[in-house]
Amino acid sequence: MSPQAFLEEAAIMKKFRHKHLVALYAVCSKEEPILIVQEFMNNGALLEYLRMGPGKNLMMSDLVYISAQVR
């Protein structure tokens, strides 16, 4: 993804506010690397939560539900 395409998508993402979405607050794009500032996640990164945290005990139906929401 080009930096310009990323910044365009980030501008859209900053407008989203929903209890089931991690909020994107800002993008630092003055120089590379481009950094993002987003909402704090109580359980940390999703991958770590699923591999090493309480998420490793989720049922298959829950995992399918989560994966269907990730693009």
C-alpha atoms as a PDB file:
ATOM      1  CA  MET A   1       0.000   0.000   0.000  1.00  0.00           C
ATOM      2  CA  SER A   2       1.366   3.393  -0.914  1.00  0.00           C
ATOM      3  CA  PRO A   3       1.754   6.000   1.842  1.00  0.00           C
ATOM      4  CA  GLN A   4      -0.856   8.188   0.109  1.00  0.00           C
ATOM      5  CA  ALA A   5      -3.403   5.338  -0.032  1.00  0.00           C
ATOM      6  CA  PHE A   6      -2.741   4.570   3.645  1.00  0.00           C
ATOM      7  CA  LEU A   7      -3.281   8.193   4.655  1.00  0.00           C
ATOM      8  CA  GLU A   8      -6.551   8.337   2.705  1.00  0.00           C
ATOM      9  CA  GLU A   9      -7.809   5.193   4.435  1.00  0.00           C
ATOM     10  CA  ALA A  10      -6.633   6.459   7.844  1.00  0.00           C
ATOM     11  CA  ALA A  11      -8.585   9.694   7.334  1.00  0.00           C
ATOM     12  CA  ILE A  12     -11.741   7.613   6.899  1.00  0.00           C
ATOM     13  CA  MET A  13     -10.892   5.344   9.844  1.00  0.00           C
ATOM     14  CA  LYS A  14     -10.456   8.331  12.186  1.00  0.00           C
ATOM     15  CA  LYS A  15     -14.158   9.100  11.737  1.00  0.00           C
ATOM     16  CA  PHE A  16     -15.332   5.676  12.946  1.00  0.00           C
ATOM     17  CA  ARG A  17     -16.566   5.449  16.528  1.00  0.00           C
ATOM     18  CA  HIS A  18     -18.177   2.230  17.737  1.00  0.00           C
ATOM     19  CA  LYS A  19     -17.891   0.179  20.919  1.00  0.00           C
ATOM     20  CA  HIS A  20     -16.610  -2.833  18.933  1.00  0.00           C
ATOM     21  CA  LEU A  21     -13.929  -0.953  16.978  1.00  0.00           C
ATOM     22  CA  VAL A  22     -10.519   0.173  18.143  1.00  0.00           C
ATOM     23  CA  ALA A  23     -10.505   3.943  17.710  1.00  0.00           C
ATOM     24  CA  LEU A  24      -7.847   5.528  15.514  1.00  0.00           C
ATOM     25  CA  TYR A  25      -6.974   8.897  17.046  1.00  0.00           C
ATOM     26  CA  ALA A  26      -4.126  10.226  14.927  1.00  0.00           C
ATOM     27  CA  VAL A  27      -1.570   9.493  12.239  1.00  0.00           C
ATOM     28  CA  CYS A  28       1.967  10.845  12.451  1.00  0.00           C
ATOM     29  CA  SER A  29       2.984  11.238   8.832  1.00  0.00           C
ATOM     30  CA  LYS A  30       5.499  14.076   8.719  1.00  0.00           C
ATOM     31  CA  GLU A  31       8.296  11.594   7.976  1.00  0.00           C
ATOM     32  CA  GLU A  32       8.633   7.846   7.635  1.00  0.00           C
ATOM     33  CA  PRO A  33       7.924   5.570   9.307  1.00  0.00           C
ATOM     34  CA  ILE A  34       4.277   6.574   9.415  1.00  0.00           C
ATOM     35  CA  LEU A  35       2.943   5.939  12.922  1.00  0.00           C
ATOM     36  CA  ILE A  36      -0.602   5.577  14.202  1.00  0.00           C
ATOM     37  CA  VAL A  37      -2.083   6.463  17.586  1.00  0.00           C
ATOM     38  CA  GLN A  38      -4.996   4.270  18.541  1.00  0.00           C
ATOM     39  CA  GLU A  39      -7.143   3.356  21.518  1.00  0.00           C
ATOM     40  CA  PHE A  40      -5.586   1.273  24.298  1.00  0.00           C
ATOM     41  CA  MET A  41      -6.605  -2.389  24.208  1.00  0.00           C
ATOM     42  CA  ASN A  42      -7.067  -3.952  27.659  1.00  0.00           C
ATOM     43  CA  ASN A  43      -6.106  -7.416  26.420  1.00  0.00           C
ATOM     44  CA  GLY A  44      -3.264  -6.250  24.182  1.00  0.00           C
ATOM     45  CA  ALA A  45      -2.742  -7.296  20.586  1.00  0.00           C
ATOM     46  CA  LEU A  46      -5.349  -9.640  19.121  1.00  0.00           C
ATOM     47  CA  LEU A  47      -2.730 -12.154  17.952  1.00  0.00           C
ATOM     48  CA  GLU A  48      -1.186 -12.436  21.437  1.00  0.00           C
ATOM     49  CA  TYR A  49      -4.641 -12.648  23.023  1.00  0.00           C
ATOM     50  CA  LEU A  50      -5.582 -15.555  20.749  1.00  0.00           C
ATOM     51  CA  ARG A  51      -2.255 -17.398  20.994  1.00  0.00           C
ATOM     52  CA  MET A  52      -1.224 -16.919  24.625  1.00  0.00           C
ATOM     53  CA  GLY A  53      -4.058 -15.251  26.514  1.00  0.00           C
ATOM     54  CA  PRO A  54      -7.624 -16.154  27.415  1.00  0.00           C
ATOM     55  CA  GLY A  55      -8.481 -16.224  23.723  1.00  0.00           C
ATOM     56  CA  LYS A  56      -6.675 -19.533  23.261  1.00  0.00           C
ATOM     57  CA  ASN A  57      -9.652 -21.180  24.986  1.00  0.00           C
ATOM     58  CA  LEU A  58     -12.308 -19.709  22.685  1.00  0.00           C
ATOM     59  CA  MET A  59     -14.680 -22.029  20.905  1.00  0.00           C
ATOM     60  CA  MET A  60     -14.424 -22.439  17.130  1.00  0.00           C
ATOM     61  CA  SER A  61     -17.680 -20.545  16.610  1.00  0.00           C
ATOM     62  CA  ASP A  62     -16.206 -17.532  18.465  1.00  0.00           C
ATOM     63  CA  LEU A  63     -13.009 -17.684  16.398  1.00  0.00           C
ATOM     64  CA  VAL A  64     -15.009 -17.777  13.175  1.00  0.00           C
ATOM     65  CA  TYR A  65     -17.056 -14.785  14.373  1.00  0.00           C
ATOM     66  CA  ILE A  66     -13.880 -12.813  15.122  1.00  0.00           C
ATOM     67  CA  SER A  67     -12.191 -13.742  11.844  1.00  0.00           C
ATOM     68  CA  ALA A  68     -15.254 -12.772   9.828  1.00  0.00           C
ATOM     69  CA  GLN A  69     -14.878  -9.217  11.141  1.00  0.00           C
ATOM     70  CA  VAL A  70     -11.194  -8.840  10.224  1.00  0.00           C
ATOM     71  CA  ARG A  71     -10.374  -7.711   6.687  1.00  0.00           C
END
